PDB file of N, CA and C in Angstrom:
ATOM      1  N   MET A   1      -9.644 -22.992  -3.155  1.00  0.00           N
ATOM      2  CA  MET A   1      -8.495 -22.591  -2.408  1.00  0.00           C
ATOM      3  C   MET A   1      -8.808 -22.014  -0.995  1.00  0.00           C
ATOM      4  N   ARG A   2      -8.068 -22.313  -0.079  1.00  0.00           N
ATOM      5  CA  ARG A   2      -8.353 -21.870   1.235  1.00  0.00           C
ATOM      6  C   ARG A   2      -7.993 -20.479   1.285  1.00  0.00           C
ATOM      7  N   PRO A   3      -8.652 -19.707   2.210  1.00  0.00           N
ATOM      8  CA  PRO A   3      -8.371 -18.171   2.378  1.00  0.00           C
ATOM      9  C   PRO A   3      -6.991 -17.928   2.743  1.00  0.00           C
ATOM     10  N   GLY A   4      -6.440 -18.606   3.727  1.00  0.00           N
ATOM     11  CA  GLY A   4      -5.131 -18.462   4.176  1.00  0.00           C
ATOM     12  C   GLY A   4      -4.096 -18.527   3.035  1.00  0.00           C
ATOM     13  N   ARG A   5      -4.208 -19.520   2.321  1.00  0.00           N
ATOM     14  CA  ARG A   5      -3.328 -19.770   1.170  1.00  0.00           C
ATOM     15  C   ARG A   5      -3.399 -18.551   0.082  1.00  0.00           C
ATOM     16  N   LEU A   6      -4.592 -18.089  -0.166  1.00  0.00           N
ATOM     17  CA  LEU A   6      -4.817 -17.093  -1.001  1.00  0.00           C
ATOM     18  C   LEU A   6      -4.242 -15.777  -0.561  1.00  0.00           C
ATOM     19  N   ILE A   7      -4.357 -15.469   0.856  1.00  0.00           N
ATOM     20  CA  ILE A   7      -3.737 -14.322   1.390  1.00  0.00           C
ATOM     21  C   ILE A   7      -2.163 -14.278   1.250  1.00  0.00           C
ATOM     22  N   ARG A   8      -1.623 -15.566   1.505  1.00  0.00           N
ATOM     23  CA  ARG A   8      -0.223 -15.705   1.291  1.00  0.00           C
ATOM     24  C   ARG A   8       0.296 -15.357  -0.164  1.00  0.00           C
ATOM     25  N   LEU A   9      -0.487 -16.101  -1.045  1.00  0.00           N
ATOM     26  CA  LEU A   9      -0.090 -15.851  -2.527  1.00  0.00           C
ATOM     27  C   LEU A   9      -0.298 -14.262  -2.867  1.00  0.00           C
ATOM     28  N   GLU A  10      -1.349 -13.667  -2.337  1.00  0.00           N
ATOM     29  CA  GLU A  10      -1.424 -12.188  -2.458  1.00  0.00           C
ATOM     30  C   GLU A  10      -0.312 -11.451  -2.034  1.00  0.00           C
ATOM     31  N   GLY A  11       0.107 -11.791  -0.798  1.00  0.00           N
ATOM     32  CA  GLY A  11       1.353 -11.114  -0.216  1.00  0.00           C
ATOM     33  C   GLY A  11       2.567 -11.394  -1.040  1.00  0.00           C
ATOM     34  N   ALA A  12       2.811 -12.655  -1.527  1.00  0.00           N
ATOM     35  CA  ALA A  12       4.047 -12.940  -2.264  1.00  0.00           C
ATOM     36  C   ALA A  12       3.977 -12.249  -3.644  1.00  0.00           C
ATOM     37  N   ALA A  13       2.842 -12.165  -4.347  1.00  0.00           N
ATOM     38  CA  ALA A  13       2.701 -11.327  -5.594  1.00  0.00           C
ATOM     39  C   ALA A  13       3.048  -9.818  -5.310  1.00  0.00           C
ATOM     40  N   GLY A  14       2.502  -9.329  -4.245  1.00  0.00           N
ATOM     41  CA  GLY A  14       2.841  -7.967  -3.862  1.00  0.00           C
ATOM     42  C   GLY A  14       4.340  -7.723  -3.628  1.00  0.00           C
ATOM     43  N   CYS A  15       4.982  -8.657  -3.036  1.00  0.00           N
ATOM     44  CA  CYS A  15       6.450  -8.533  -2.685  1.00  0.00           C
ATOM     45  C   CYS A  15       7.207  -8.732  -4.005  1.00  0.00           C
ATOM     46  N   VAL A  16       6.875  -9.623  -4.992  1.00  0.00           N
ATOM     47  CA  VAL A  16       7.540  -9.562  -6.210  1.00  0.00           C
ATOM     48  C   VAL A  16       7.332  -8.490  -7.009  1.00  0.00           C
ATOM     49  N   LEU A  17       6.072  -7.796  -7.060  1.00  0.00           N
ATOM     50  CA  LEU A  17       5.881  -6.549  -7.741  1.00  0.00           C
ATOM     51  C   LEU A  17       6.767  -5.510  -7.187  1.00  0.00           C
ATOM     52  N   ALA A  18       6.829  -5.386  -5.771  1.00  0.00           N
ATOM     53  CA  ALA A  18       7.615  -4.360  -5.121  1.00  0.00           C
ATOM     54  C   ALA A  18       9.032  -4.446  -5.558  1.00  0.00           C
ATOM     55  N   LEU A  19       9.565  -5.642  -5.632  1.00  0.00           N
ATOM     56  CA  LEU A  19      10.920  -5.930  -5.976  1.00  0.00           C
ATOM     57  C   LEU A  19      11.206  -5.489  -7.354  1.00  0.00           C
ATOM     58  N   ILE A  20      10.348  -5.843  -8.279  1.00  0.00           N
ATOM     59  CA  ILE A  20      10.567  -5.573  -9.684  1.00  0.00           C
ATOM     60  C   ILE A  20      10.527  -3.984  -9.861  1.00  0.00           C
ATOM     61  N   LEU A  21       9.565  -3.294  -9.143  1.00  0.00           N
ATOM     62  CA  LEU A  21       9.533  -1.822  -9.347  1.00  0.00           C
ATOM     63  C   LEU A  21      10.602  -1.086  -8.724  1.00  0.00           C
ATOM     64  N   TYR A  22      11.051  -1.611  -7.667  1.00  0.00           N
ATOM     65  CA  TYR A  22      12.266  -1.186  -6.977  1.00  0.00           C
ATOM     66  C   TYR A  22      13.459  -1.205  -7.829  1.00  0.00           C
ATOM     67  N   GLU A  23      13.712  -2.316  -8.392  1.00  0.00           N
ATOM     68  CA  GLU A  23      14.890  -2.612  -9.278  1.00  0.00           C
ATOM     69  C   GLU A  23      14.759  -1.815 -10.494  1.00  0.00           C
ATOM     70  N   ARG A  24      13.689  -1.431 -11.091  1.00  0.00           N
ATOM     71  CA  ARG A  24      13.560  -0.608 -12.274  1.00  0.00           C
ATOM     72  C   ARG A  24      13.800   0.897 -11.925  1.00  0.00           C
ATOM     73  N   GLN A  25      13.633   1.241 -10.604  1.00  0.00           N
ATOM     74  CA  GLN A  25      13.980   2.558 -10.251  1.00  0.00           C
ATOM     75  C   GLN A  25      15.434   2.753  -9.859  1.00  0.00           C
ATOM     76  N   HIS A  26      16.280   1.731  -9.915  1.00  0.00           N
ATOM     77  CA  HIS A  26      17.566   1.575  -9.722  1.00  0.00           C
ATOM     78  C   HIS A  26      17.943   2.032  -8.331  1.00  0.00           C
ATOM     79  N   GLY A  27      17.139   1.534  -7.278  1.00  0.00           N
ATOM     80  CA  GLY A  27      17.367   1.850  -5.906  1.00  0.00           C
ATOM     81  C   GLY A  27      18.424   1.110  -5.360  1.00  0.00           C
ATOM     82  N   GLY A  28      19.107   1.662  -4.357  1.00  0.00           N
ATOM     83  CA  GLY A  28      20.155   0.850  -3.724  1.00  0.00           C
ATOM     84  C   GLY A  28      19.600  -0.287  -2.794  1.00  0.00           C
ATOM     85  N   TRP A  29      20.216  -1.357  -2.827  1.00  0.00           N
ATOM     86  CA  TRP A  29      19.662  -2.558  -2.151  1.00  0.00           C
ATOM     87  C   TRP A  29      19.939  -2.464  -0.689  1.00  0.00           C
ATOM     88  N   LEU A  30      21.047  -1.797  -0.279  1.00  0.00           N
ATOM     89  CA  LEU A  30      21.179  -1.612   1.109  1.00  0.00           C
ATOM     90  C   LEU A  30      20.046  -0.756   1.811  1.00  0.00           C
ATOM     91  N   LEU A  31      19.615   0.261   1.017  1.00  0.00           N
ATOM     92  CA  LEU A  31      18.471   1.174   1.457  1.00  0.00           C
ATOM     93  C   LEU A  31      17.182   0.287   1.392  1.00  0.00           C
ATOM     94  N   PHE A  32      17.045  -0.681   0.462  1.00  0.00           N
ATOM     95  CA  PHE A  32      15.855  -1.512   0.471  1.00  0.00           C
ATOM     96  C   PHE A  32      15.822  -2.425   1.721  1.00  0.00           C
ATOM     97  N   ILE A  33      16.897  -3.023   2.097  1.00  0.00           N
ATOM     98  CA  ILE A  33      16.926  -3.732   3.198  1.00  0.00           C
ATOM     99  C   ILE A  33      16.588  -3.007   4.532  1.00  0.00           C
ATOM    100  N   VAL A  34      17.089  -1.808   4.610  1.00  0.00           N
ATOM    101  CA  VAL A  34      16.823  -0.915   5.870  1.00  0.00           C
ATOM    102  C   VAL A  34      15.338  -0.602   5.739  1.00  0.00           C
ATOM    103  N   LEU A  35      14.732  -0.158   4.631  1.00  0.00           N
ATOM    104  CA  LEU A  35      13.347   0.206   4.587  1.00  0.00           C
ATOM    105  C   LEU A  35      12.415  -0.984   4.873  1.00  0.00           C
ATOM    106  N   ILE A  36      12.807  -2.129   4.352  1.00  0.00           N
ATOM    107  CA  ILE A  36      11.925  -3.324   4.606  1.00  0.00           C
ATOM    108  C   ILE A  36      11.842  -3.729   5.991  1.00  0.00           C
ATOM    109  N   LEU A  37      12.886  -3.448   6.740  1.00  0.00           N
ATOM    110  CA  LEU A  37      12.841  -3.778   8.206  1.00  0.00           C
ATOM    111  C   LEU A  37      12.281  -2.689   9.029  1.00  0.00           C
ATOM    112  N   ALA A  38      12.165  -1.435   8.459  1.00  0.00           N
ATOM    113  CA  ALA A  38      11.653  -0.235   9.232  1.00  0.00           C
ATOM    114  C   ALA A  38      10.300  -0.509   9.923  1.00  0.00           C
ATOM    115  N   PRO A  39       9.282  -1.217   9.223  1.00  0.00           N
ATOM    116  CA  PRO A  39       8.033  -1.347   9.985  1.00  0.00           C
ATOM    117  C   PRO A  39       8.156  -2.258  11.310  1.00  0.00           C
ATOM    118  N   ASP A  40       9.262  -3.049  11.352  1.00  0.00           N
ATOM    119  CA  ASP A  40       9.465  -3.730  12.628  1.00  0.00           C
ATOM    120  C   ASP A  40       9.791  -2.901  13.757  1.00  0.00           C
ATOM    121  N   LEU A  41      10.106  -1.767  13.578  1.00  0.00           N
ATOM    122  CA  LEU A  41      10.428  -0.727  14.614  1.00  0.00           C
ATOM    123  C   LEU A  41       9.178  -0.580  15.465  1.00  0.00           C
ATOM    124  N   ALA A  42       8.079  -0.825  14.957  1.00  0.00           N
ATOM    125  CA  ALA A  42       6.830  -0.638  15.680  1.00  0.00           C
ATOM    126  C   ALA A  42       6.766  -1.680  16.857  1.00  0.00           C
ATOM    127  N   MET A  43       7.681  -2.563  16.905  1.00  0.00           N
ATOM    128  CA  MET A  43       7.773  -3.433  18.057  1.00  0.00           C
ATOM    129  C   MET A  43       8.155  -2.829  19.369  1.00  0.00           C
ATOM    130  N   VAL A  44       8.647  -1.506  19.193  1.00  0.00           N
ATOM    131  CA  VAL A  44       8.921  -0.647  20.347  1.00  0.00           C
ATOM    132  C   VAL A  44       7.691  -0.456  21.174  1.00  0.00           C
ATOM    133  N   GLY A  45       6.587  -0.320  20.479  1.00  0.00           N
ATOM    134  CA  GLY A  45       5.425  -0.163  21.262  1.00  0.00           C
ATOM    135  C   GLY A  45       5.042  -1.201  22.352  1.00  0.00           C
ATOM    136  N   TYR A  46       5.683  -2.355  22.234  1.00  0.00           N
ATOM    137  CA  TYR A  46       5.417  -3.289  23.242  1.00  0.00           C
ATOM    138  C   TYR A  46       6.147  -2.901  24.618  1.00  0.00           C
ATOM    139  N   LEU A  47       7.035  -1.872  24.524  1.00  0.00           N
ATOM    140  CA  LEU A  47       7.412  -1.458  25.758  1.00  0.00           C
ATOM    141  C   LEU A  47       6.408  -0.803  26.670  1.00  0.00           C
ATOM    142  N   ALA A  48       5.354  -0.307  26.084  1.00  0.00           N
ATOM    143  CA  ALA A  48       4.283   0.343  26.676  1.00  0.00           C
ATOM    144  C   ALA A  48       3.168  -0.608  27.078  1.00  0.00           C
ATOM    145  N   GLY A  49       3.332  -1.994  26.863  1.00  0.00           N
ATOM    146  CA  GLY A  49       2.490  -3.058  27.229  1.00  0.00           C
ATOM    147  C   GLY A  49       2.036  -3.874  25.924  1.00  0.00           C
ATOM    148  N   THR A  50       1.482  -5.040  26.140  1.00  0.00           N
ATOM    149  CA  THR A  50       1.129  -5.845  25.033  1.00  0.00           C
ATOM    150  C   THR A  50       0.007  -5.325  24.290  1.00  0.00           C
ATOM    151  N   ARG A  51      -0.884  -4.671  24.895  1.00  0.00           N
ATOM    152  CA  ARG A  51      -2.100  -4.189  24.041  1.00  0.00           C
ATOM    153  C   ARG A  51      -1.769  -3.005  23.149  1.00  0.00           C
ATOM    154  N   ILE A  52      -0.945  -1.998  23.618  1.00  0.00           N
ATOM    155  CA  ILE A  52      -0.459  -0.941  22.771  1.00  0.00           C
ATOM    156  C   ILE A  52       0.485  -1.463  21.828  1.00  0.00           C
ATOM    157  N   GLY A  53       1.358  -2.393  22.252  1.00  0.00           N
ATOM    158  CA  GLY A  53       2.243  -2.948  21.201  1.00  0.00           C
ATOM    159  C   GLY A  53       1.750  -3.655  20.063  1.00  0.00           C
ATOM    160  N   ALA A  54       0.744  -4.494  20.382  1.00  0.00           N
ATOM    161  CA  ALA A  54      -0.027  -5.161  19.318  1.00  0.00           C
ATOM    162  C   ALA A  54      -0.678  -4.110  18.408  1.00  0.00           C
ATOM    163  N   ALA A  55      -1.237  -3.035  18.946  1.00  0.00           N
ATOM    164  CA  ALA A  55      -1.927  -2.015  18.183  1.00  0.00           C
ATOM    165  C   ALA A  55      -0.889  -1.435  17.242  1.00  0.00           C
ATOM    166  N   CYS A  56       0.320  -0.959  17.809  1.00  0.00           N
ATOM    167  CA  CYS A  56       1.264  -0.326  16.981  1.00  0.00           C
ATOM    168  C   CYS A  56       1.780  -1.295  15.896  1.00  0.00           C
ATOM    169  N   TYR A  57       2.070  -2.416  16.323  1.00  0.00           N
ATOM    170  CA  TYR A  57       2.666  -3.434  15.200  1.00  0.00           C
ATOM    171  C   TYR A  57       1.608  -3.746  14.185  1.00  0.00           C
ATOM    172  N   ASN A  58       0.401  -3.810  14.575  1.00  0.00           N
ATOM    173  CA  ASN A  58      -0.619  -4.244  13.424  1.00  0.00           C
ATOM    174  C   ASN A  58      -0.968  -2.946  12.593  1.00  0.00           C
ATOM    175  N   ALA A  59      -0.775  -1.734  13.152  1.00  0.00           N
ATOM    176  CA  ALA A  59      -1.069  -0.554  12.430  1.00  0.00           C
ATOM    177  C   ALA A  59      -0.100  -0.361  11.244  1.00  0.00           C
ATOM    178  N   VAL A  60       1.154  -0.698  11.379  1.00  0.00           N
ATOM    179  CA  VAL A  60       2.125  -0.619  10.374  1.00  0.00           C
ATOM    180  C   VAL A  60       2.354  -1.711   9.493  1.00  0.00           C
ATOM    181  N   HIS A  61       1.685  -2.821   9.882  1.00  0.00           N
ATOM    182  CA  HIS A  61       1.749  -3.993   9.039  1.00  0.00           C
ATOM    183  C   HIS A  61       0.361  -4.276   8.313  1.00  0.00           C
ATOM    184  N   THR A  62      -0.369  -3.266   7.999  1.00  0.00           N
ATOM    185  CA  THR A  62      -1.469  -3.419   7.087  1.00  0.00           C
ATOM    186  C   THR A  62      -1.321  -2.485   5.940  1.00  0.00           C
ATOM    187  N   LEU A  63      -2.261  -2.903   5.021  1.00  0.00           N
ATOM    188  CA  LEU A  63      -2.147  -2.032   3.758  1.00  0.00           C
ATOM    189  C   LEU A  63      -3.338  -0.854   3.684  1.00  0.00           C
ATOM    190  N   VAL A  64      -3.924  -0.592   4.822  1.00  0.00           N
ATOM    191  CA  VAL A  64      -4.940   0.298   4.888  1.00  0.00           C
ATOM    192  C   VAL A  64      -4.466   1.752   4.486  1.00  0.00           C
ATOM    193  N   LEU A  65      -3.337   2.204   5.147  1.00  0.00           N
ATOM    194  CA  LEU A  65      -2.779   3.452   4.792  1.00  0.00           C
ATOM    195  C   LEU A  65      -2.339   3.663   3.330  1.00  0.00           C
ATOM    196  N   PRO A  66      -1.499   2.703   2.785  1.00  0.00           N
ATOM    197  CA  PRO A  66      -1.297   2.727   1.310  1.00  0.00           C
ATOM    198  C   PRO A  66      -2.518   2.783   0.490  1.00  0.00           C
ATOM    199  N   ALA A  67      -3.471   1.927   0.802  1.00  0.00           N
ATOM    200  CA  ALA A  67      -4.640   1.830  -0.068  1.00  0.00           C
ATOM    201  C   ALA A  67      -5.406   3.249   0.030  1.00  0.00           C
ATOM    202  N   ALA A  68      -5.441   3.948   1.270  1.00  0.00           N
ATOM    203  CA  ALA A  68      -6.155   5.140   1.306  1.00  0.00           C
ATOM    204  C   ALA A  68      -5.337   6.231   0.500  1.00  0.00           C
ATOM    205  N   LEU A  69      -3.923   6.082   0.514  1.00  0.00           N
ATOM    206  CA  LEU A  69      -3.192   7.094  -0.372  1.00  0.00           C
ATOM    207  C   LEU A  69      -3.528   6.900  -1.863  1.00  0.00           C
ATOM    208  N   ALA A  70      -3.624   5.600  -2.183  1.00  0.00           N
ATOM    209  CA  ALA A  70      -3.835   5.309  -3.554  1.00  0.00           C
ATOM    210  C   ALA A  70      -5.313   5.738  -3.979  1.00  0.00           C
ATOM    211  N   GLY A  71      -6.263   5.691  -3.118  1.00  0.00           N
ATOM    212  CA  GLY A  71      -7.627   5.945  -3.367  1.00  0.00           C
ATOM    213  C   GLY A  71      -7.807   7.546  -3.443  1.00  0.00           C
ATOM    214  N   TYR A  72      -7.181   8.166  -2.471  1.00  0.00           N
ATOM    215  CA  TYR A  72      -7.419   9.563  -2.370  1.00  0.00           C
ATOM    216  C   TYR A  72      -6.356  10.496  -2.888  1.00  0.00           C
ATOM    217  N   GLY A  73      -5.251   9.894  -3.048  1.00  0.00           N
ATOM    218  CA  GLY A  73      -4.111  10.457  -3.829  1.00  0.00           C
ATOM    219  C   GLY A  73      -3.372  11.347  -2.729  1.00  0.00           C
ATOM    220  N   LEU A  74      -2.146  11.809  -3.149  1.00  0.00           N
ATOM    221  CA  LEU A  74      -1.271  12.714  -2.283  1.00  0.00           C
ATOM    222  C   LEU A  74      -1.902  14.147  -2.604  1.00  0.00           C
ATOM    223  N   LYS A  75      -1.861  14.921  -1.580  1.00  0.00           N
ATOM    224  CA  LYS A  75      -2.461  16.294  -1.709  1.00  0.00           C
ATOM    225  C   LYS A  75      -1.408  17.369  -2.068  1.00  0.00           C
ATOM    226  N   TYR A  76      -1.893  18.314  -2.851  1.00  0.00           N
ATOM    227  CA  TYR A  76      -1.026  19.467  -3.160  1.00  0.00           C
ATOM    228  C   TYR A  76      -1.429  20.483  -2.087  1.00  0.00           C
ATOM    229  N   PRO A  77      -0.545  21.470  -1.890  1.00  0.00           N
ATOM    230  CA  PRO A  77      -0.736  22.477  -0.825  1.00  0.00           C
ATOM    231  C   PRO A  77      -1.934  23.491  -1.148  1.00  0.00           C
ATOM    232  N   GLU A  78      -2.324  23.518  -2.397  1.00  0.00           N
ATOM    233  CA  GLU A  78      -3.398  24.488  -2.863  1.00  0.00           C
ATOM    234  C   GLU A  78      -4.680  24.120  -2.259  1.00  0.00           C
ATOM    235  N   GLY A  79      -4.959  22.806  -2.011  1.00  0.00           N
ATOM    236  CA  GLY A  79      -6.217  22.389  -1.226  1.00  0.00           C
ATOM    237  C   GLY A  79      -6.373  20.975  -1.188  1.00  0.00           C
ATOM    238  N   PHE A  80      -7.421  20.564  -0.478  1.00  0.00           N
ATOM    239  CA  PHE A  80      -7.686  19.144  -0.277  1.00  0.00           C
ATOM    240  C   PHE A  80      -8.140  18.388  -1.547  1.00  0.00           C
ATOM    241  N   LYS A  81      -8.848  19.150  -2.451  1.00  0.00           N
ATOM    242  CA  LYS A  81      -9.392  18.464  -3.687  1.00  0.00           C
ATOM    243  C   LYS A  81      -8.279  18.352  -4.780  1.00  0.00           C
ATOM    244  N   ASP A  82      -7.092  18.947  -4.552  1.00  0.00           N
ATOM    245  CA  ASP A  82      -6.137  18.820  -5.506  1.00  0.00           C
ATOM    246  C   ASP A  82      -5.132  17.652  -5.115  1.00  0.00           C
ATOM    247  N   THR A  83      -5.170  16.627  -6.034  1.00  0.00           N
ATOM    248  CA  THR A  83      -4.403  15.374  -5.775  1.00  0.00           C
ATOM    249  C   THR A  83      -3.673  15.007  -6.855  1.00  0.00           C
ATOM    250  N   HIS A  84      -2.556  14.114  -6.817  1.00  0.00           N
ATOM    251  CA  HIS A  84      -1.761  13.774  -7.890  1.00  0.00           C
ATOM    252  C   HIS A  84      -2.567  12.887  -8.902  1.00  0.00           C
ATOM    253  N   LEU A  85      -3.720  12.414  -8.418  1.00  0.00           N
ATOM    254  CA  LEU A  85      -4.571  11.568  -9.256  1.00  0.00           C
ATOM    255  C   LEU A  85      -5.492  12.304 -10.137  1.00  0.00           C
ATOM    256  N   GLN A  86      -6.204  13.302  -9.490  1.00  0.00           N
ATOM    257  CA  GLN A  86      -7.198  14.084 -10.259  1.00  0.00           C
ATOM    258  C   GLN A  86      -7.620  15.188  -9.186  1.00  0.00           C
ATOM    259  N   ARG A  87      -8.510  16.065  -9.841  1.00  0.00           N
ATOM    260  CA  ARG A  87      -9.155  17.053  -8.901  1.00  0.00           C
ATOM    261  C   ARG A  87     -10.400  16.495  -8.486  1.00  0.00           C
ATOM    262  N   LEU A  88     -10.579  16.336  -7.191  1.00  0.00           N
ATOM    263  CA  LEU A  88     -11.704  15.754  -6.612  1.00  0.00           C
ATOM    264  C   LEU A  88     -12.957  16.767  -6.491  1.00  0.00           C
TER     265      LEU A  88
END
């Protein structure tokens, strides 16, 4: 399978999983539509030029931040080593 097709399948699977999880949380669908479009607000960065605009847009359209949160966990105010996943 070609890498481009695999990346699209991966994105589609993530989208389906997100929809299922959101529905199970009984979230409002209007809020979902607003939130799914929110990353596109990064296009405002193009007002500062194409280089900055591309950097802003790409920064919010990547899975790096969510992956980092999943790996390191969310922090408690008691200290850096206290996370929702475990004590580091």
